[in-house]
Amino acid sequence: MLGEHHHLATEFPEYKEQIHKLKADDAHFSKLHDEYNALDDEIYRIEEGIETTADDYLETLKKKRLALKDELLTIIKQA
């Protein structure tokens, strides 16, 4: 949806504790989580009209966010 943040703990509430633990204990997960949040923030600003950009750039950001979310979820499920 437009104008919403997609934080991992909100997207996957059943893994909230694992996400918190992995952010503290796994440097790779923490780095990916930070990248995911930065992308999510940028997408939010574009969708809210705070920043403007080409539609194809926004779509590229969304695809990157989805790929990161998939990678993070894989790590979460393996933990």
C-alpha atoms as a PDB file:
ATOM      1  CA  MET A   1       0.000   0.000   0.000  1.00  0.00           C
ATOM      2  CA  LEU A   2       1.059   3.547  -0.574  1.00  0.00           C
ATOM      3  CA  GLY A   3       2.339   5.630   2.282  1.00  0.00           C
ATOM      4  CA  GLU A   4       2.986   2.776   4.685  1.00  0.00           C
ATOM      5  CA  HIS A   5       6.193   1.569   6.230  1.00  0.00           C
ATOM      6  CA  HIS A   6       6.933  -2.124   5.870  1.00  0.00           C
ATOM      7  CA  HIS A   7       9.033  -2.826   8.957  1.00  0.00           C
ATOM      8  CA  LEU A   8       9.964  -6.479   9.355  1.00  0.00           C
ATOM      9  CA  ALA A   9       8.443  -6.786  12.814  1.00  0.00           C
ATOM     10  CA  THR A  10       5.158  -5.492  11.392  1.00  0.00           C
ATOM     11  CA  GLU A  11       5.343  -7.664   8.290  1.00  0.00           C
ATOM     12  CA  PHE A  12       6.234 -10.775  10.320  1.00  0.00           C
ATOM     13  CA  PRO A  13       4.944 -10.286  13.885  1.00  0.00           C
ATOM     14  CA  GLU A  14       5.370 -13.985  14.601  1.00  0.00           C
ATOM     15  CA  TYR A  15       9.154 -13.513  14.238  1.00  0.00           C
ATOM     16  CA  LYS A  16       9.467 -10.321  16.264  1.00  0.00           C
ATOM     17  CA  GLU A  17      11.697 -11.895  18.942  1.00  0.00           C
ATOM     18  CA  GLN A  18      13.934 -13.621  16.378  1.00  0.00           C
ATOM     19  CA  ILE A  19      14.331 -10.344  14.467  1.00  0.00           C
ATOM     20  CA  HIS A  20      15.372  -8.519  17.633  1.00  0.00           C
ATOM     21  CA  LYS A  21      17.846 -11.247  18.589  1.00  0.00           C
ATOM     22  CA  LEU A  22      19.345 -11.447  15.094  1.00  0.00           C
ATOM     23  CA  LYS A  23      19.785  -7.663  14.917  1.00  0.00           C
ATOM     24  CA  ALA A  24      21.798  -7.848  18.144  1.00  0.00           C
ATOM     25  CA  ASP A  25      23.759 -11.052  17.464  1.00  0.00           C
ATOM     26  CA  ASP A  26      24.256 -11.323  13.693  1.00  0.00           C
ATOM     27  CA  ALA A  27      26.232  -8.534  11.999  1.00  0.00           C
ATOM     28  CA  HIS A  28      25.246  -9.675   8.493  1.00  0.00           C
ATOM     29  CA  PHE A  29      21.547  -9.733   9.389  1.00  0.00           C
ATOM     30  CA  SER A  30      21.851  -6.344  11.073  1.00  0.00           C
ATOM     31  CA  LYS A  31      23.483  -4.834   7.965  1.00  0.00           C
ATOM     32  CA  LEU A  32      20.779  -6.254   5.675  1.00  0.00           C
ATOM     33  CA  HIS A  33      18.095  -5.063   8.094  1.00  0.00           C
ATOM     34  CA  ASP A  34      19.544  -1.539   8.014  1.00  0.00           C
ATOM     35  CA  GLU A  35      19.606  -1.601   4.196  1.00  0.00           C
ATOM     36  CA  TYR A  36      15.996  -2.823   4.144  1.00  0.00           C
ATOM     37  CA  ASN A  37      14.888  -0.004   6.463  1.00  0.00           C
ATOM     38  CA  ALA A  38      16.749   2.619   4.428  1.00  0.00           C
ATOM     39  CA  LEU A  39      15.038   1.412   1.245  1.00  0.00           C
ATOM     40  CA  ASP A  40      11.679   1.344   2.997  1.00  0.00           C
ATOM     41  CA  ASP A  41      12.175   4.916   4.221  1.00  0.00           C
ATOM     42  CA  GLU A  42      13.137   6.112   0.735  1.00  0.00           C
ATOM     43  CA  ILE A  43      10.121   4.400  -0.835  1.00  0.00           C
ATOM     44  CA  TYR A  44       7.860   5.937   1.805  1.00  0.00           C
ATOM     45  CA  ARG A  45       9.196   9.449   1.109  1.00  0.00           C
ATOM     46  CA  ILE A  46       8.637   9.014  -2.633  1.00  0.00           C
ATOM     47  CA  GLU A  47       5.125   7.609  -2.205  1.00  0.00           C
ATOM     48  CA  GLU A  48       4.187  10.450   0.143  1.00  0.00           C
ATOM     49  CA  GLY A  49       5.432  13.039  -2.364  1.00  0.00           C
ATOM     50  CA  ILE A  50       8.210  14.258  -0.087  1.00  0.00           C
ATOM     51  CA  GLU A  51      10.689  13.327  -2.814  1.00  0.00           C
ATOM     52  CA  THR A  52      10.054  12.958  -6.513  1.00  0.00           C
ATOM     53  CA  THR A  53      11.571  10.453  -8.881  1.00  0.00           C
ATOM     54  CA  ALA A  54      10.832   8.489 -12.018  1.00  0.00           C
ATOM     55  CA  ASP A  55       8.370   5.616 -11.735  1.00  0.00           C
ATOM     56  CA  ASP A  56      10.921   3.070 -12.952  1.00  0.00           C
ATOM     57  CA  TYR A  57      13.331   4.106 -10.181  1.00  0.00           C
ATOM     58  CA  LEU A  58      10.598   3.595  -7.583  1.00  0.00           C
ATOM     59  CA  GLU A  59       9.835   0.166  -9.012  1.00  0.00           C
ATOM     60  CA  THR A  60      13.537  -0.725  -8.840  1.00  0.00           C
ATOM     61  CA  LEU A  61      13.610   0.278  -5.167  1.00  0.00           C
ATOM     62  CA  LYS A  62      10.537  -1.836  -4.443  1.00  0.00           C
ATOM     63  CA  LYS A  63      12.128  -4.861  -6.116  1.00  0.00           C
ATOM     64  CA  LYS A  64      15.300  -4.394  -4.074  1.00  0.00           C
ATOM     65  CA  ARG A  65      13.238  -4.108  -0.880  1.00  0.00           C
ATOM     66  CA  LEU A  66      11.355  -7.310  -1.748  1.00  0.00           C
ATOM     67  CA  ALA A  67      14.602  -9.182  -2.466  1.00  0.00           C
ATOM     68  CA  LEU A  68      16.041  -8.031   0.868  1.00  0.00           C
ATOM     69  CA  LYS A  69      12.846  -9.010   2.681  1.00  0.00           C
ATOM     70  CA  ASP A  70      13.058 -12.499   1.150  1.00  0.00           C
ATOM     71  CA  GLU A  71      16.712 -12.826   2.155  1.00  0.00           C
ATOM     72  CA  LEU A  72      15.998 -11.600   5.697  1.00  0.00           C
ATOM     73  CA  LEU A  73      13.053 -13.967   6.069  1.00  0.00           C
ATOM     74  CA  THR A  74      15.219 -16.885   4.972  1.00  0.00           C
ATOM     75  CA  ILE A  75      17.766 -15.997   7.671  1.00  0.00           C
ATOM     76  CA  ILE A  76      15.011 -15.595  10.271  1.00  0.00           C
ATOM     77  CA  LYS A  77      13.511 -18.991   9.481  1.00  0.00           C
ATOM     78  CA  GLN A  78      16.942 -20.653   9.694  1.00  0.00           C
ATOM     79  CA  ALA A  79      17.674 -19.123  13.102  1.00  0.00           C
END
